[in-house]
Amino acid sequence: MGRVPGALTRRHPAPRALTAVVVALAGRAAAWTGSYLIIGEGAPREVMASRVPEGIFQAGPSLAVTISSWNLPFGVGSIVLGSMFAIGRISLGYFAPWWRAIGHRVALGSNSFVLTAPGKLAPDPSVLWQRIGAREILADVLVAAALANIRMWRPRHWRDMKLARVRAVADVRLRATEVARLAAAFALLAWTANIEAAGVAAFLSRLAD
């Protein structure tokens, strides 16, 4: 097994999470650079806006709860579902945060967020942690890494379209280190939702003035 696939399936979740983060960063860098150079400003904004619930920005003080209720089923939920399946030993749960990382950087490089300021943002690693999306994606990666070895179905061969059951739901067991990663991910998502809600409120307040 190659070095990256092997690291993604290690027994301990720490190397799994670190490797998944490196893959996400590589995808983000390529997507950010490509969208900045190729995609016109605001071109994918309609697609991005279609994923945002109508009236979410009028949620007022409950906006953080609304953001969390959106992130958990669609973000964490897709990871949990994907983690039940694997190709070889690679959990499909990894692909949800990786895909989200690429989409976030496409939106950033083309300035296609729902709430935005004029001007495309050139690739700059120094602003990585300043963006809310980076924290949310890190939380998603932690969830994917924690659940990477719970797979219950996988094809016998990577070319096989039929799935074979390898584990029952009742047989799934999480180690203490994996539970700790899940707890850290949920804490990070809650913290990020509060920061995002405060930022949206401040932005809308400036627009109203």
C-alpha atoms as a PDB file:
ATOM      1  CA  MET A   1       0.000   0.000   0.000  1.00  0.00           C
ATOM      2  CA  GLY A   2       1.302   3.475  -0.877  1.00  0.00           C
ATOM      3  CA  ARG A   3       2.501   5.896   1.754  1.00  0.00           C
ATOM      4  CA  VAL A   4      -0.546   8.205   1.648  1.00  0.00           C
ATOM      5  CA  PRO A   5      -3.226   5.450   1.535  1.00  0.00           C
ATOM      6  CA  GLY A   6      -1.351   3.618   4.272  1.00  0.00           C
ATOM      7  CA  ALA A   7      -1.275   6.722   6.501  1.00  0.00           C
ATOM      8  CA  LEU A   8      -5.002   7.288   5.940  1.00  0.00           C
ATOM      9  CA  THR A   9      -5.764   3.863   7.375  1.00  0.00           C
ATOM     10  CA  ARG A  10      -3.345   3.788  10.324  1.00  0.00           C
ATOM     11  CA  ARG A  11      -4.589   2.432  13.630  1.00  0.00           C
ATOM     12  CA  HIS A  12      -4.135   5.734  15.463  1.00  0.00           C
ATOM     13  CA  PRO A  13      -6.288   8.677  14.257  1.00  0.00           C
ATOM     14  CA  ALA A  14      -3.502  11.287  14.582  1.00  0.00           C
ATOM     15  CA  PRO A  15      -1.534  10.251  11.451  1.00  0.00           C
ATOM     16  CA  ARG A  16      -4.836   9.715   9.645  1.00  0.00           C
ATOM     17  CA  ALA A  17      -5.929  13.265  10.435  1.00  0.00           C
ATOM     18  CA  LEU A  18      -2.526  14.773   9.572  1.00  0.00           C
ATOM     19  CA  THR A  19      -2.413  13.015   6.213  1.00  0.00           C
ATOM     20  CA  ALA A  20      -6.000  13.998   5.390  1.00  0.00           C
ATOM     21  CA  VAL A  21      -5.171  17.632   6.224  1.00  0.00           C
ATOM     22  CA  VAL A  22      -2.141  17.552   3.893  1.00  0.00           C
ATOM     23  CA  VAL A  23      -4.292  16.153   1.064  1.00  0.00           C
ATOM     24  CA  ALA A  24      -6.936  18.829   1.715  1.00  0.00           C
ATOM     25  CA  LEU A  25      -4.295  21.588   1.682  1.00  0.00           C
ATOM     26  CA  ALA A  26      -2.909  20.352  -1.625  1.00  0.00           C
ATOM     27  CA  GLY A  27      -6.381  20.302  -3.168  1.00  0.00           C
ATOM     28  CA  ARG A  28      -7.178  23.727  -1.738  1.00  0.00           C
ATOM     29  CA  ALA A  29      -3.981  25.245  -3.142  1.00  0.00           C
ATOM     30  CA  ALA A  30      -4.664  23.885  -6.631  1.00  0.00           C
ATOM     31  CA  ALA A  31      -8.334  24.938  -6.550  1.00  0.00           C
ATOM     32  CA  TRP A  32      -7.556  28.422  -5.197  1.00  0.00           C
ATOM     33  CA  THR A  33      -4.863  29.092  -7.793  1.00  0.00           C
ATOM     34  CA  GLY A  34      -6.903  27.674 -10.660  1.00  0.00           C
ATOM     35  CA  SER A  35     -10.084  29.577  -9.780  1.00  0.00           C
ATOM     36  CA  TYR A  36      -8.179  32.836  -9.289  1.00  0.00           C
ATOM     37  CA  LEU A  37      -6.502  32.547 -12.688  1.00  0.00           C
ATOM     38  CA  ILE A  38      -9.315  31.014 -14.745  1.00  0.00           C
ATOM     39  CA  ILE A  39     -12.789  31.660 -13.287  1.00  0.00           C
ATOM     40  CA  GLY A  40     -14.422  35.067 -13.596  1.00  0.00           C
ATOM     41  CA  GLU A  41     -15.318  36.950 -10.438  1.00  0.00           C
ATOM     42  CA  GLY A  42     -18.634  35.798  -9.001  1.00  0.00           C
ATOM     43  CA  ALA A  43     -19.244  33.185 -11.714  1.00  0.00           C
ATOM     44  CA  PRO A  44     -20.165  30.289  -9.357  1.00  0.00           C
ATOM     45  CA  ARG A  45     -21.984  32.523  -6.845  1.00  0.00           C
ATOM     46  CA  GLU A  46     -25.464  31.355  -7.861  1.00  0.00           C
ATOM     47  CA  VAL A  47     -24.433  27.737  -7.298  1.00  0.00           C
ATOM     48  CA  MET A  48     -22.930  28.609  -3.910  1.00  0.00           C
ATOM     49  CA  ALA A  49     -26.051  30.585  -2.906  1.00  0.00           C
ATOM     50  CA  SER A  50     -28.319  27.661  -3.787  1.00  0.00           C
ATOM     51  CA  ARG A  51     -26.752  25.689  -0.906  1.00  0.00           C
ATOM     52  CA  VAL A  52     -27.665  28.347   1.677  1.00  0.00           C
ATOM     53  CA  PRO A  53     -31.119  28.041   3.296  1.00  0.00           C
ATOM     54  CA  GLU A  54     -33.499  30.878   2.444  1.00  0.00           C
ATOM     55  CA  GLY A  55     -33.740  33.441   5.234  1.00  0.00           C
ATOM     56  CA  ILE A  56     -30.713  32.150   7.134  1.00  0.00           C
ATOM     57  CA  PHE A  57     -29.277  35.655   7.493  1.00  0.00           C
ATOM     58  CA  GLN A  58     -32.459  36.859   9.173  1.00  0.00           C
ATOM     59  CA  ALA A  59     -32.124  34.266  11.923  1.00  0.00           C
ATOM     60  CA  GLY A  60     -30.962  36.928  14.389  1.00  0.00           C
ATOM     61  CA  PRO A  61     -29.467  35.772  17.704  1.00  0.00           C
ATOM     62  CA  SER A  62     -30.137  32.139  16.797  1.00  0.00           C
ATOM     63  CA  LEU A  63     -27.920  32.343  13.706  1.00  0.00           C
ATOM     64  CA  ALA A  64     -25.140  30.272  15.330  1.00  0.00           C
ATOM     65  CA  VAL A  65     -27.640  27.497  16.061  1.00  0.00           C
ATOM     66  CA  THR A  66     -28.967  27.745  12.508  1.00  0.00           C
ATOM     67  CA  ILE A  67     -25.447  27.448  11.074  1.00  0.00           C
ATOM     68  CA  SER A  68     -24.744  24.431  13.270  1.00  0.00           C
ATOM     69  CA  SER A  69     -28.017  22.777  12.274  1.00  0.00           C
ATOM     70  CA  TRP A  70     -26.948  23.244   8.647  1.00  0.00           C
ATOM     71  CA  ASN A  71     -23.347  22.028   9.097  1.00  0.00           C
ATOM     72  CA  LEU A  72     -24.138  18.924  11.140  1.00  0.00           C
ATOM     73  CA  PRO A  73     -26.506  17.071   8.779  1.00  0.00           C
ATOM     74  CA  PHE A  74     -24.898  18.172   5.520  1.00  0.00           C
ATOM     75  CA  GLY A  75     -21.260  18.303   6.635  1.00  0.00           C
ATOM     76  CA  VAL A  76     -20.832  15.741   9.394  1.00  0.00           C
ATOM     77  CA  GLY A  77     -23.754  13.656   8.144  1.00  0.00           C
ATOM     78  CA  SER A  78     -22.181  13.143   4.730  1.00  0.00           C
ATOM     79  CA  ILE A  79     -18.915  12.096   6.393  1.00  0.00           C
ATOM     80  CA  VAL A  80     -20.652   9.560   8.654  1.00  0.00           C
ATOM     81  CA  LEU A  81     -22.506   8.100   5.671  1.00  0.00           C
ATOM     82  CA  GLY A  82     -19.349   7.987   3.552  1.00  0.00           C
ATOM     83  CA  SER A  83     -17.377   6.354   6.360  1.00  0.00           C
ATOM     84  CA  MET A  84     -19.648   3.322   6.185  1.00  0.00           C
ATOM     85  CA  PHE A  85     -18.166   2.545   2.769  1.00  0.00           C
ATOM     86  CA  ALA A  86     -14.620   2.063   1.560  1.00  0.00           C
ATOM     87  CA  ILE A  87     -12.699   1.387  -1.637  1.00  0.00           C
ATOM     88  CA  GLY A  88      -9.987  -1.010  -0.613  1.00  0.00           C
ATOM     89  CA  ARG A  89      -9.182   0.292   2.856  1.00  0.00           C
ATOM     90  CA  ILE A  90      -9.723   3.987   2.040  1.00  0.00           C
ATOM     91  CA  SER A  91     -12.839   5.389   3.703  1.00  0.00           C
ATOM     92  CA  LEU A  92     -15.145   7.363   1.427  1.00  0.00           C
ATOM     93  CA  GLY A  93     -15.749   9.675   4.391  1.00  0.00           C
ATOM     94  CA  TYR A  94     -12.500  11.477   3.559  1.00  0.00           C
ATOM     95  CA  PHE A  95     -13.871  12.696   0.242  1.00  0.00           C
ATOM     96  CA  ALA A  96     -16.556  14.935   1.787  1.00  0.00           C
ATOM     97  CA  PRO A  97     -14.112  17.358   3.505  1.00  0.00           C
ATOM     98  CA  TRP A  98     -11.698  17.152   0.566  1.00  0.00           C
ATOM     99  CA  TRP A  99     -14.473  18.113  -1.846  1.00  0.00           C
ATOM    100  CA  ARG A 100     -15.591  20.875   0.490  1.00  0.00           C
ATOM    101  CA  ALA A 101     -12.021  22.183   0.700  1.00  0.00           C
ATOM    102  CA  ILE A 102     -11.827  22.404  -3.086  1.00  0.00           C
ATOM    103  CA  GLY A 103     -15.226  24.112  -3.350  1.00  0.00           C
ATOM    104  CA  HIS A 104     -14.331  26.616  -0.645  1.00  0.00           C
ATOM    105  CA  ARG A 105     -11.128  27.628  -2.442  1.00  0.00           C
ATOM    106  CA  VAL A 106     -12.908  27.874  -5.797  1.00  0.00           C
ATOM    107  CA  ALA A 107     -15.354  30.287  -4.143  1.00  0.00           C
ATOM    108  CA  LEU A 108     -12.490  32.196  -2.537  1.00  0.00           C
ATOM    109  CA  GLY A 109     -10.408  32.495  -5.695  1.00  0.00           C
ATOM    110  CA  SER A 110     -13.408  33.609  -7.756  1.00  0.00           C
ATOM    111  CA  ASN A 111     -14.994  35.729  -4.984  1.00  0.00           C
ATOM    112  CA  SER A 112     -18.235  33.777  -5.152  1.00  0.00           C
ATOM    113  CA  PHE A 113     -19.370  33.695  -1.532  1.00  0.00           C
ATOM    114  CA  VAL A 114     -22.931  34.774  -0.732  1.00  0.00           C
ATOM    115  CA  LEU A 115     -21.690  37.633   1.456  1.00  0.00           C
ATOM    116  CA  THR A 116     -18.561  39.129  -0.010  1.00  0.00           C
ATOM    117  CA  ALA A 117     -16.532  42.252  -0.689  1.00  0.00           C
ATOM    118  CA  PRO A 118     -15.462  43.307  -4.198  1.00  0.00           C
ATOM    119  CA  GLY A 119     -12.306  41.769  -5.605  1.00  0.00           C
ATOM    120  CA  LYS A 120     -10.883  38.277  -6.028  1.00  0.00           C
ATOM    121  CA  LEU A 121      -8.434  37.122  -3.365  1.00  0.00           C
ATOM    122  CA  ALA A 122      -5.088  35.907  -4.704  1.00  0.00           C
ATOM    123  CA  PRO A 123      -3.663  32.718  -3.156  1.00  0.00           C
ATOM    124  CA  ASP A 124      -2.024  33.644   0.145  1.00  0.00           C
ATOM    125  CA  PRO A 125      -1.273  31.017   2.822  1.00  0.00           C
ATOM    126  CA  SER A 126      -1.096  33.738   5.501  1.00  0.00           C
ATOM    127  CA  VAL A 127      -4.893  34.183   5.414  1.00  0.00           C
ATOM    128  CA  LEU A 128      -5.631  30.451   5.626  1.00  0.00           C
ATOM    129  CA  TRP A 129      -6.748  30.344   9.273  1.00  0.00           C
ATOM    130  CA  GLN A 130      -8.503  33.713   9.027  1.00  0.00           C
ATOM    131  CA  ARG A 131     -11.238  32.182   6.900  1.00  0.00           C
ATOM    132  CA  ILE A 132     -14.134  30.462   8.650  1.00  0.00           C
ATOM    133  CA  GLY A 133     -14.232  27.733   6.028  1.00  0.00           C
ATOM    134  CA  ALA A 134     -10.748  26.521   6.964  1.00  0.00           C
ATOM    135  CA  ARG A 135     -11.843  25.816  10.547  1.00  0.00           C
ATOM    136  CA  GLU A 136     -15.002  24.052   9.444  1.00  0.00           C
ATOM    137  CA  ILE A 137     -13.045  21.885   7.016  1.00  0.00           C
ATOM    138  CA  LEU A 138     -10.490  21.040   9.717  1.00  0.00           C
ATOM    139  CA  ALA A 139     -13.361  19.901  11.949  1.00  0.00           C
ATOM    140  CA  ASP A 140     -14.733  17.787   9.086  1.00  0.00           C
ATOM    141  CA  VAL A 141     -11.293  16.227   8.537  1.00  0.00           C
ATOM    142  CA  LEU A 142     -11.104  15.311  12.241  1.00  0.00           C
ATOM    143  CA  VAL A 143     -14.487  13.592  11.975  1.00  0.00           C
ATOM    144  CA  ALA A 144     -13.439  11.725   8.822  1.00  0.00           C
ATOM    145  CA  ALA A 145     -10.162  10.613  10.418  1.00  0.00           C
ATOM    146  CA  ALA A 146     -11.905   9.458  13.590  1.00  0.00           C
ATOM    147  CA  LEU A 147     -14.398   7.350  11.613  1.00  0.00           C
ATOM    148  CA  ALA A 148     -12.018   6.173   8.882  1.00  0.00           C
ATOM    149  CA  ASN A 149     -11.904   2.558  10.072  1.00  0.00           C
ATOM    150  CA  ILE A 150     -15.588   1.925  10.784  1.00  0.00           C
ATOM    151  CA  ARG A 151     -16.280   0.820   7.200  1.00  0.00           C
ATOM    152  CA  MET A 152     -19.110  -1.691   6.913  1.00  0.00           C
ATOM    153  CA  TRP A 153     -19.304  -2.231   3.153  1.00  0.00           C
ATOM    154  CA  ARG A 154     -16.669  -2.281   0.440  1.00  0.00           C
ATOM    155  CA  PRO A 155     -16.194  -3.947  -2.954  1.00  0.00           C
ATOM    156  CA  ARG A 156     -14.074  -7.095  -2.983  1.00  0.00           C
ATOM    157  CA  HIS A 157     -12.007  -5.495  -5.747  1.00  0.00           C
ATOM    158  CA  TRP A 158     -11.788  -1.805  -6.666  1.00  0.00           C
ATOM    159  CA  ARG A 159     -13.314  -2.616 -10.079  1.00  0.00           C
ATOM    160  CA  ASP A 160     -16.195  -4.556  -8.514  1.00  0.00           C
ATOM    161  CA  MET A 161     -19.559  -2.761  -8.492  1.00  0.00           C
ATOM    162  CA  LYS A 162     -21.006  -5.133  -5.865  1.00  0.00           C
ATOM    163  CA  LEU A 163     -20.469  -4.345  -2.193  1.00  0.00           C
ATOM    164  CA  ALA A 164     -19.535  -6.935   0.395  1.00  0.00           C
ATOM    165  CA  ARG A 165     -20.434  -6.433   4.029  1.00  0.00           C
ATOM    166  CA  VAL A 166     -17.345  -6.512   6.239  1.00  0.00           C
ATOM    167  CA  ARG A 167     -18.805  -5.377   9.567  1.00  0.00           C
ATOM    168  CA  ALA A 168     -22.198  -5.014  11.223  1.00  0.00           C
ATOM    169  CA  VAL A 169     -23.285  -1.782  12.884  1.00  0.00           C
ATOM    170  CA  ALA A 170     -23.234  -3.525  16.261  1.00  0.00           C
ATOM    171  CA  ASP A 171     -19.562  -4.401  15.721  1.00  0.00           C
ATOM    172  CA  VAL A 172     -18.421  -0.799  15.316  1.00  0.00           C
ATOM    173  CA  ARG A 173     -16.208   0.307  18.197  1.00  0.00           C
ATOM    174  CA  LEU A 174     -14.468   3.657  18.597  1.00  0.00           C
ATOM    175  CA  ARG A 175     -11.268   3.991  20.598  1.00  0.00           C
ATOM    176  CA  ALA A 176     -10.850   6.731  23.177  1.00  0.00           C
ATOM    177  CA  THR A 177      -8.507   8.625  20.823  1.00  0.00           C
ATOM    178  CA  GLU A 178     -11.155   8.561  18.091  1.00  0.00           C
ATOM    179  CA  VAL A 179     -13.870   9.761  20.462  1.00  0.00           C
ATOM    180  CA  ALA A 180     -11.519  12.578  21.531  1.00  0.00           C
ATOM    181  CA  ARG A 181     -11.104  13.625  17.874  1.00  0.00           C
ATOM    182  CA  LEU A 182     -14.879  13.691  17.455  1.00  0.00           C
ATOM    183  CA  ALA A 183     -15.295  15.823  20.591  1.00  0.00           C
ATOM    184  CA  ALA A 184     -12.616  18.241  19.343  1.00  0.00           C
ATOM    185  CA  ALA A 185     -14.340  18.449  15.949  1.00  0.00           C
ATOM    186  CA  PHE A 186     -17.755  19.266  17.447  1.00  0.00           C
ATOM    187  CA  ALA A 187     -16.219  21.866  19.770  1.00  0.00           C
ATOM    188  CA  LEU A 188     -14.449  23.461  16.791  1.00  0.00           C
ATOM    189  CA  LEU A 189     -17.685  23.501  14.769  1.00  0.00           C
ATOM    190  CA  ALA A 190     -19.591  25.146  17.647  1.00  0.00           C
ATOM    191  CA  TRP A 191     -16.874  27.773  18.131  1.00  0.00           C
ATOM    192  CA  THR A 192     -16.734  28.446  14.390  1.00  0.00           C
ATOM    193  CA  ALA A 193     -20.527  28.800  14.147  1.00  0.00           C
ATOM    194  CA  ASN A 194     -20.472  31.482  16.848  1.00  0.00           C
ATOM    195  CA  ILE A 195     -17.656  33.372  15.118  1.00  0.00           C
ATOM    196  CA  GLU A 196     -19.411  33.105  11.751  1.00  0.00           C
ATOM    197  CA  ALA A 197     -22.703  34.312  13.227  1.00  0.00           C
ATOM    198  CA  ALA A 198     -20.975  37.332  14.800  1.00  0.00           C
ATOM    199  CA  GLY A 199     -19.234  38.113  11.500  1.00  0.00           C
ATOM    200  CA  VAL A 200     -22.463  37.909   9.513  1.00  0.00           C
ATOM    201  CA  ALA A 201     -24.258  40.129  12.034  1.00  0.00           C
ATOM    202  CA  ALA A 202     -21.473  42.721  11.848  1.00  0.00           C
ATOM    203  CA  PHE A 203     -21.481  42.622   8.045  1.00  0.00           C
ATOM    204  CA  LEU A 204     -25.251  43.088   7.836  1.00  0.00           C
ATOM    205  CA  SER A 205     -25.074  45.868  10.399  1.00  0.00           C
ATOM    206  CA  ARG A 206     -22.546  47.747   8.242  1.00  0.00           C
ATOM    207  CA  LEU A 207     -24.792  47.323   5.203  1.00  0.00           C
ATOM    208  CA  ALA A 208     -27.740  48.750   7.145  1.00  0.00           C
ATOM    209  CA  ASP A 209     -25.803  51.869   8.266  1.00  0.00           C
END
